Amino acid sequence: YPNNAWERYADDSVIHCRSRWEARL
């Protein structure tokens, strides 16, 4: 998923998606 931004601090992470479908996949 090279086009998705994300942030990770140790084991805490958030991943950004453009749609709910993409997030579920």
PDB file of all heavy atoms in Angstrom:
ATOM      1  N   TYR A   1       0.845  -1.200   0.000  1.00  0.00           N
ATOM      2  CA  TYR A   1       0.000   0.000   0.000  1.00  0.00           C
ATOM      3  C   TYR A   1       0.881   1.251   0.000  1.00  0.00           C
ATOM      4  O   TYR A   1       0.860   2.034   0.946  1.00  0.00           O
ATOM      5  CB  TYR A   1      -0.941  -0.014   1.208  1.00  0.00           C
ATOM      6  CG  TYR A   1      -2.029  -1.060   1.113  1.00  0.00           C
ATOM      7  CD1 TYR A   1      -1.820  -2.348   1.608  1.00  0.00           C
ATOM      8  CD2 TYR A   1      -3.244  -0.771   0.505  1.00  0.00           C
ATOM      9  CE1 TYR A   1      -2.812  -3.315   1.504  1.00  0.00           C
ATOM     10  CE2 TYR A   1      -4.238  -1.729   0.404  1.00  0.00           C
ATOM     11  CZ  TYR A   1      -4.013  -3.000   0.901  1.00  0.00           C
ATOM     12  OH  TYR A   1      -4.993  -3.956   0.789  1.00  0.00           O
ATOM     13  N   PRO A   2       1.656   1.436  -1.063  1.00  0.00           N
ATOM     14  CA  PRO A   2       2.611   2.562  -1.085  1.00  0.00           C
ATOM     15  C   PRO A   2       1.948   3.937  -1.102  1.00  0.00           C
ATOM     16  O   PRO A   2       2.598   4.934  -0.782  1.00  0.00           O
ATOM     17  CB  PRO A   2       3.404   2.312  -2.377  1.00  0.00           C
ATOM     18  CG  PRO A   2       2.478   1.515  -3.250  1.00  0.00           C
ATOM     19  CD  PRO A   2       1.701   0.648  -2.313  1.00  0.00           C
ATOM     20  N   ASN A   3       0.681   4.009  -1.484  1.00  0.00           N
ATOM     21  CA  ASN A   3      -0.007   5.304  -1.586  1.00  0.00           C
ATOM     22  C   ASN A   3      -0.812   5.663  -0.337  1.00  0.00           C
ATOM     23  O   ASN A   3      -1.507   6.679  -0.329  1.00  0.00           O
ATOM     24  CB  ASN A   3      -0.925   5.309  -2.812  1.00  0.00           C
ATOM     25  CG  ASN A   3      -0.148   5.159  -4.110  1.00  0.00           C
ATOM     26  OD1 ASN A   3       0.928   5.729  -4.269  1.00  0.00           O
ATOM     27  ND2 ASN A   3      -0.682   4.375  -5.039  1.00  0.00           N
ATOM     28  N   ASN A   4      -0.722   4.837   0.686  1.00  0.00           N
ATOM     29  CA  ASN A   4      -1.441   5.109   1.933  1.00  0.00           C
ATOM     30  C   ASN A   4      -0.486   5.649   2.984  1.00  0.00           C
ATOM     31  O   ASN A   4       0.566   5.068   3.248  1.00  0.00           O
ATOM     32  CB  ASN A   4      -2.101   3.832   2.458  1.00  0.00           C
ATOM     33  CG  ASN A   4      -3.245   3.374   1.589  1.00  0.00           C
ATOM     34  OD1 ASN A   4      -3.030   2.903   0.479  1.00  0.00           O
ATOM     35  ND2 ASN A   4      -4.463   3.522   2.073  1.00  0.00           N
ATOM     36  N   ALA A   5      -0.864   6.763   3.585  1.00  0.00           N
ATOM     37  CA  ALA A   5      -0.054   7.350   4.657  1.00  0.00           C
ATOM     38  C   ALA A   5      -0.333   6.624   5.973  1.00  0.00           C
ATOM     39  O   ALA A   5      -1.408   6.036   6.160  1.00  0.00           O
ATOM     40  CB  ALA A   5      -0.360   8.835   4.797  1.00  0.00           C
ATOM     41  N   TRP A   6       0.613   6.671   6.881  1.00  0.00           N
ATOM     42  CA  TRP A   6       0.434   6.052   8.200  1.00  0.00           C
ATOM     43  C   TRP A   6       1.414   6.670   9.184  1.00  0.00           C
ATOM     44  O   TRP A   6       2.387   7.325   8.797  1.00  0.00           O
ATOM     45  CB  TRP A   6       0.630   4.534   8.138  1.00  0.00           C
ATOM     46  CG  TRP A   6       1.906   4.089   7.467  1.00  0.00           C
ATOM     47  CD1 TRP A   6       2.094   3.848   6.135  1.00  0.00           C
ATOM     48  CD2 TRP A   6       3.180   3.860   8.093  1.00  0.00           C
ATOM     49  NE1 TRP A   6       3.401   3.486   5.880  1.00  0.00           N
ATOM     50  CE2 TRP A   6       4.093   3.476   7.068  1.00  0.00           C
ATOM     51  CE3 TRP A   6       3.641   3.928   9.411  1.00  0.00           C
ATOM     52  CZ2 TRP A   6       5.415   3.183   7.332  1.00  0.00           C
ATOM     53  CZ3 TRP A   6       4.971   3.631   9.673  1.00  0.00           C
ATOM     54  CH2 TRP A   6       5.845   3.256   8.641  1.00  0.00           C
ATOM     55  N   GLU A   7       1.125   6.471  10.459  1.00  0.00           N
ATOM     56  CA  GLU A   7       2.017   6.887  11.546  1.00  0.00           C
ATOM     57  C   GLU A   7       2.098   5.741  12.547  1.00  0.00           C
ATOM     58  O   GLU A   7       1.082   5.117  12.859  1.00  0.00           O
ATOM     59  CB  GLU A   7       1.508   8.140  12.281  1.00  0.00           C
ATOM     60  CG  GLU A   7       1.453   9.394  11.429  1.00  0.00           C
ATOM     61  CD  GLU A   7       0.217   9.457  10.563  1.00  0.00           C
ATOM     62  OE1 GLU A   7      -0.853   8.983  11.017  1.00  0.00           O
ATOM     63  OE2 GLU A   7       0.302   9.959   9.420  1.00  0.00           O
ATOM     64  N   ARG A   8       3.304   5.489  13.029  1.00  0.00           N
ATOM     65  CA  ARG A   8       3.481   4.455  14.049  1.00  0.00           C
ATOM     66  C   ARG A   8       4.379   4.993  15.153  1.00  0.00           C
ATOM     67  O   ARG A   8       5.428   5.563  14.874  1.00  0.00           O
ATOM     68  CB  ARG A   8       4.092   3.176  13.455  1.00  0.00           C
ATOM     69  CG  ARG A   8       4.292   2.074  14.515  1.00  0.00           C
ATOM     70  CD  ARG A   8       4.755   0.768  13.891  1.00  0.00           C
ATOM     71  NE  ARG A   8       6.090   0.873  13.327  1.00  0.00           N
ATOM     72  CZ  ARG A   8       7.222   0.813  14.043  1.00  0.00           C
ATOM     73  NH1 ARG A   8       7.170   0.714  15.359  1.00  0.00           N
ATOM     74  NH2 ARG A   8       8.393   0.903  13.444  1.00  0.00           N
ATOM     75  N   TYR A   9       3.935   4.804  16.379  1.00  0.00           N
ATOM     76  CA  TYR A   9       4.753   5.133  17.550  1.00  0.00           C
ATOM     77  C   TYR A   9       4.836   3.867  18.389  1.00  0.00           C
ATOM     78  O   TYR A   9       3.872   3.507  19.068  1.00  0.00           O
ATOM     79  CB  TYR A   9       4.143   6.284  18.350  1.00  0.00           C
ATOM     80  CG  TYR A   9       5.078   6.851  19.392  1.00  0.00           C
ATOM     81  CD1 TYR A   9       5.836   7.989  19.115  1.00  0.00           C
ATOM     82  CD2 TYR A   9       5.230   6.249  20.635  1.00  0.00           C
ATOM     83  CE1 TYR A   9       6.713   8.508  20.057  1.00  0.00           C
ATOM     84  CE2 TYR A   9       6.104   6.758  21.577  1.00  0.00           C
ATOM     85  CZ  TYR A   9       6.840   7.883  21.286  1.00  0.00           C
ATOM     86  OH  TYR A   9       7.717   8.396  22.223  1.00  0.00           O
ATOM     87  N   ALA A  10       5.972   3.164  18.302  1.00  0.00           N
ATOM     88  CA  ALA A  10       6.128   1.842  18.927  1.00  0.00           C
ATOM     89  C   ALA A  10       5.041   0.930  18.365  1.00  0.00           C
ATOM     90  O   ALA A  10       4.965   0.752  17.148  1.00  0.00           O
ATOM     91  CB  ALA A  10       6.106   1.944  20.446  1.00  0.00           C
ATOM     92  N   ASP A  11       4.144   0.385  19.209  1.00  0.00           N
ATOM     93  CA  ASP A  11       3.113  -0.519  18.699  1.00  0.00           C
ATOM     94  C   ASP A  11       1.770   0.171  18.489  1.00  0.00           C
ATOM     95  O   ASP A  11       0.772  -0.492  18.210  1.00  0.00           O
ATOM     96  CB  ASP A  11       2.943  -1.714  19.646  1.00  0.00           C
ATOM     97  CG  ASP A  11       2.549  -1.295  21.059  1.00  0.00           C
ATOM     98  OD1 ASP A  11       2.943  -0.198  21.478  1.00  0.00           O
ATOM     99  OD2 ASP A  11       1.862  -2.072  21.748  1.00  0.00           O
ATOM    100  N   ASP A  12       1.720   1.498  18.615  1.00  0.00           N
ATOM    101  CA  ASP A  12       0.500   2.271  18.338  1.00  0.00           C
ATOM    102  C   ASP A  12       0.561   2.818  16.913  1.00  0.00           C
ATOM    103  O   ASP A  12       1.503   3.532  16.568  1.00  0.00           O
ATOM    104  CB  ASP A  12       0.350   3.438  19.323  1.00  0.00           C
ATOM    105  CG  ASP A  12       0.047   2.969  20.735  1.00  0.00           C
ATOM    106  OD1 ASP A  12      -0.564   1.889  20.867  1.00  0.00           O
ATOM    107  OD2 ASP A  12       0.415   3.656  21.699  1.00  0.00           O
ATOM    108  N   SER A  13      -0.456   2.505  16.112  1.00  0.00           N
ATOM    109  CA  SER A  13      -0.431   2.901  14.707  1.00  0.00           C
ATOM    110  C   SER A  13      -1.784   3.398  14.239  1.00  0.00           C
ATOM    111  O   SER A  13      -2.828   2.960  14.740  1.00  0.00           O
ATOM    112  CB  SER A  13      -0.014   1.718  13.813  1.00  0.00           C
ATOM    113  OG  SER A  13       1.187   1.142  14.224  1.00  0.00           O
ATOM    114  N   VAL A  14      -1.746   4.304  13.265  1.00  0.00           N
ATOM    115  CA  VAL A  14      -2.937   4.676  12.508  1.00  0.00           C
ATOM    116  C   VAL A  14      -2.574   4.643  11.029  1.00  0.00           C
ATOM    117  O   VAL A  14      -1.482   5.067  10.636  1.00  0.00           O
ATOM    118  CB  VAL A  14      -3.490   6.066  12.901  1.00  0.00           C
ATOM    119  CG1 VAL A  14      -4.071   6.045  14.297  1.00  0.00           C
ATOM    120  CG2 VAL A  14      -2.436   7.142  12.796  1.00  0.00           C
ATOM    121  N   ILE A  15      -3.487   4.108  10.214  1.00  0.00           N
ATOM    122  CA  ILE A  15      -3.277   4.000   8.772  1.00  0.00           C
ATOM    123  C   ILE A  15      -4.410   4.740   8.075  1.00  0.00           C
ATOM    124  O   ILE A  15      -5.588   4.560   8.415  1.00  0.00           O
ATOM    125  CB  ILE A  15      -3.246   2.529   8.317  1.00  0.00           C
ATOM    126  CG1 ILE A  15      -2.172   1.751   9.091  1.00  0.00           C
ATOM    127  CG2 ILE A  15      -2.979   2.433   6.816  1.00  0.00           C
ATOM    128  CD1 ILE A  15      -2.210   0.249   8.838  1.00  0.00           C
ATOM    129  N   HIS A  16      -4.073   5.568   7.108  1.00  0.00           N
ATOM    130  CA  HIS A  16      -5.060   6.418   6.432  1.00  0.00           C
ATOM    131  C   HIS A  16      -5.474   5.799   5.097  1.00  0.00           C
ATOM    132  O   HIS A  16      -4.629   5.321   4.329  1.00  0.00           O
ATOM    133  CB  HIS A  16      -4.472   7.815   6.203  1.00  0.00           C
ATOM    134  CG  HIS A  16      -3.997   8.466   7.463  1.00  0.00           C
ATOM    135  ND1 HIS A  16      -4.801   9.283   8.225  1.00  0.00           N
ATOM    136  CD2 HIS A  16      -2.803   8.400   8.117  1.00  0.00           C
ATOM    137  CE1 HIS A  16      -4.120   9.703   9.285  1.00  0.00           C
ATOM    138  NE2 HIS A  16      -2.908   9.193   9.232  1.00  0.00           N
ATOM    139  N   CYS A  17      -6.784   5.823   4.838  1.00  0.00           N
ATOM    140  CA  CYS A  17      -7.338   5.227   3.620  1.00  0.00           C
ATOM    141  C   CYS A  17      -8.299   6.205   2.947  1.00  0.00           C
ATOM    142  O   CYS A  17      -8.829   7.117   3.593  1.00  0.00           O
ATOM    143  CB  CYS A  17      -8.081   3.928   3.946  1.00  0.00           C
ATOM    144  SG  CYS A  17      -7.052   2.673   4.744  1.00  0.00           S
ATOM    145  N   ARG A  18      -8.523   5.982   1.659  1.00  0.00           N
ATOM    146  CA  ARG A  18      -9.378   6.892   0.890  1.00  0.00           C
ATOM    147  C   ARG A  18     -10.850   6.502   0.949  1.00  0.00           C
ATOM    148  O   ARG A  18     -11.717   7.324   0.690  1.00  0.00           O
ATOM    149  CB  ARG A  18      -8.913   6.928  -0.568  1.00  0.00           C
ATOM    150  CG  ARG A  18      -7.554   7.597  -0.735  1.00  0.00           C
ATOM    151  CD  ARG A  18      -7.051   7.495  -2.163  1.00  0.00           C
ATOM    152  NE  ARG A  18      -5.758   8.152  -2.296  1.00  0.00           N
ATOM    153  CZ  ARG A  18      -4.599   7.607  -1.930  1.00  0.00           C
ATOM    154  NH1 ARG A  18      -4.583   6.377  -1.441  1.00  0.00           N
ATOM    155  NH2 ARG A  18      -3.466   8.270  -2.086  1.00  0.00           N
ATOM    156  N   SER A  19     -11.127   5.247   1.239  1.00  0.00           N
ATOM    157  CA  SER A  19     -12.523   4.792   1.274  1.00  0.00           C
ATOM    158  C   SER A  19     -12.687   3.709   2.325  1.00  0.00           C
ATOM    159  O   SER A  19     -11.711   3.104   2.779  1.00  0.00           O
ATOM    160  CB  SER A  19     -12.937   4.236  -0.100  1.00  0.00           C
ATOM    161  OG  SER A  19     -12.195   3.049  -0.382  1.00  0.00           O
ATOM    162  N   ARG A  20     -13.936   3.472   2.699  1.00  0.00           N
ATOM    163  CA  ARG A  20     -14.209   2.411   3.670  1.00  0.00           C
ATOM    164  C   ARG A  20     -13.835   1.053   3.076  1.00  0.00           C
ATOM    165  O   ARG A  20     -13.315   0.183   3.780  1.00  0.00           O
ATOM    166  CB  ARG A  20     -15.683   2.427   4.067  1.00  0.00           C
ATOM    167  CG  ARG A  20     -16.055   1.288   5.007  1.00  0.00           C
ATOM    168  CD  ARG A  20     -17.523   1.296   5.363  1.00  0.00           C
ATOM    169  NE  ARG A  20     -17.828   2.348   6.320  1.00  0.00           N
ATOM    170  CZ  ARG A  20     -19.025   2.509   6.877  1.00  0.00           C
ATOM    171  NH1 ARG A  20     -20.019   1.687   6.551  1.00  0.00           N
ATOM    172  NH2 ARG A  20     -19.234   3.477   7.745  1.00  0.00           N
ATOM    173  N   TRP A  21     -14.107   0.881   1.796  1.00  0.00           N
ATOM    174  CA  TRP A  21     -13.781  -0.392   1.137  1.00  0.00           C
ATOM    175  C   TRP A  21     -12.280  -0.654   1.211  1.00  0.00           C
ATOM    176  O   TRP A  21     -11.857  -1.782   1.529  1.00  0.00           O
ATOM    177  CB  TRP A  21     -14.231  -0.334  -0.325  1.00  0.00           C
ATOM    178  CG  TRP A  21     -13.866  -1.580  -1.096  1.00  0.00           C
ATOM    179  CD1 TRP A  21     -14.575  -2.736  -1.183  1.00  0.00           C
ATOM    180  CD2 TRP A  21     -12.674  -1.772  -1.875  1.00  0.00           C
ATOM    181  NE1 TRP A  21     -13.907  -3.654  -1.958  1.00  0.00           N
ATOM    182  CE2 TRP A  21     -12.736  -3.095  -2.396  1.00  0.00           C
ATOM    183  CE3 TRP A  21     -11.570  -0.984  -2.178  1.00  0.00           C
ATOM    184  CZ2 TRP A  21     -11.734  -3.620  -3.213  1.00  0.00           C
ATOM    185  CZ3 TRP A  21     -10.574  -1.515  -2.988  1.00  0.00           C
ATOM    186  CH2 TRP A  21     -10.654  -2.812  -3.496  1.00  0.00           C
ATOM    187  N   GLU A  22     -11.478   0.362   0.909  1.00  0.00           N
ATOM    188  CA  GLU A  22     -10.028   0.194   0.973  1.00  0.00           C
ATOM    189  C   GLU A  22      -9.575  -0.111   2.404  1.00  0.00           C
ATOM    190  O   GLU A  22      -8.704  -0.961   2.626  1.00  0.00           O
ATOM    191  CB  GLU A  22      -9.321   1.451   0.467  1.00  0.00           C
ATOM    192  CG  GLU A  22      -7.803   1.322   0.442  1.00  0.00           C
ATOM    193  CD  GLU A  22      -7.113   2.607   0.024  1.00  0.00           C
ATOM    194  OE1 GLU A  22      -7.459   3.677   0.571  1.00  0.00           O
ATOM    195  OE2 GLU A  22      -6.209   2.545  -0.833  1.00  0.00           O
ATOM    196  N   ALA A  23     -10.181   0.560   3.371  1.00  0.00           N
ATOM    197  CA  ALA A  23      -9.822   0.337   4.778  1.00  0.00           C
ATOM    198  C   ALA A  23     -10.141  -1.098   5.199  1.00  0.00           C
ATOM    199  O   ALA A  23      -9.340  -1.744   5.895  1.00  0.00           O
ATOM    200  CB  ALA A  23     -10.556   1.333   5.671  1.00  0.00           C
ATOM    201  N   ARG A  24     -11.305  -1.604   4.779  1.00  0.00           N
ATOM    202  CA  ARG A  24     -11.673  -2.971   5.136  1.00  0.00           C
ATOM    203  C   ARG A  24     -10.730  -3.985   4.492  1.00  0.00           C
ATOM    204  O   ARG A  24     -10.332  -4.971   5.134  1.00  0.00           O
ATOM    205  CB  ARG A  24     -13.111  -3.242   4.711  1.00  0.00           C
ATOM    206  CG  ARG A  24     -14.150  -2.561   5.599  1.00  0.00           C
ATOM    207  CD  ARG A  24     -15.552  -2.749   5.040  1.00  0.00           C
ATOM    208  NE  ARG A  24     -16.560  -2.252   5.982  1.00  0.00           N
ATOM    209  CZ  ARG A  24     -17.843  -2.132   5.678  1.00  0.00           C
ATOM    210  NH1 ARG A  24     -18.278  -2.466   4.457  1.00  0.00           N
ATOM    211  NH2 ARG A  24     -18.702  -1.678   6.579  1.00  0.00           N
ATOM    212  N   LEU A  25     -10.378  -3.759   3.242  1.00  0.00           N
ATOM    213  CA  LEU A  25      -9.473  -4.671   2.542  1.00  0.00           C
ATOM    214  C   LEU A  25      -8.093  -4.663   3.190  1.00  0.00           C
ATOM    215  O   LEU A  25      -7.510  -5.722   3.462  1.00  0.00           O
ATOM    216  CB  LEU A  25      -9.370  -4.267   1.072  1.00  0.00           C
ATOM    217  CG  LEU A  25      -8.385  -5.089   0.220  1.00  0.00           C
ATOM    218  CD1 LEU A  25      -8.841  -6.547   0.139  1.00  0.00           C
ATOM    219  CD2 LEU A  25      -8.256  -4.481  -1.185  1.00  0.00           C
TER     220      LEU A  25
END
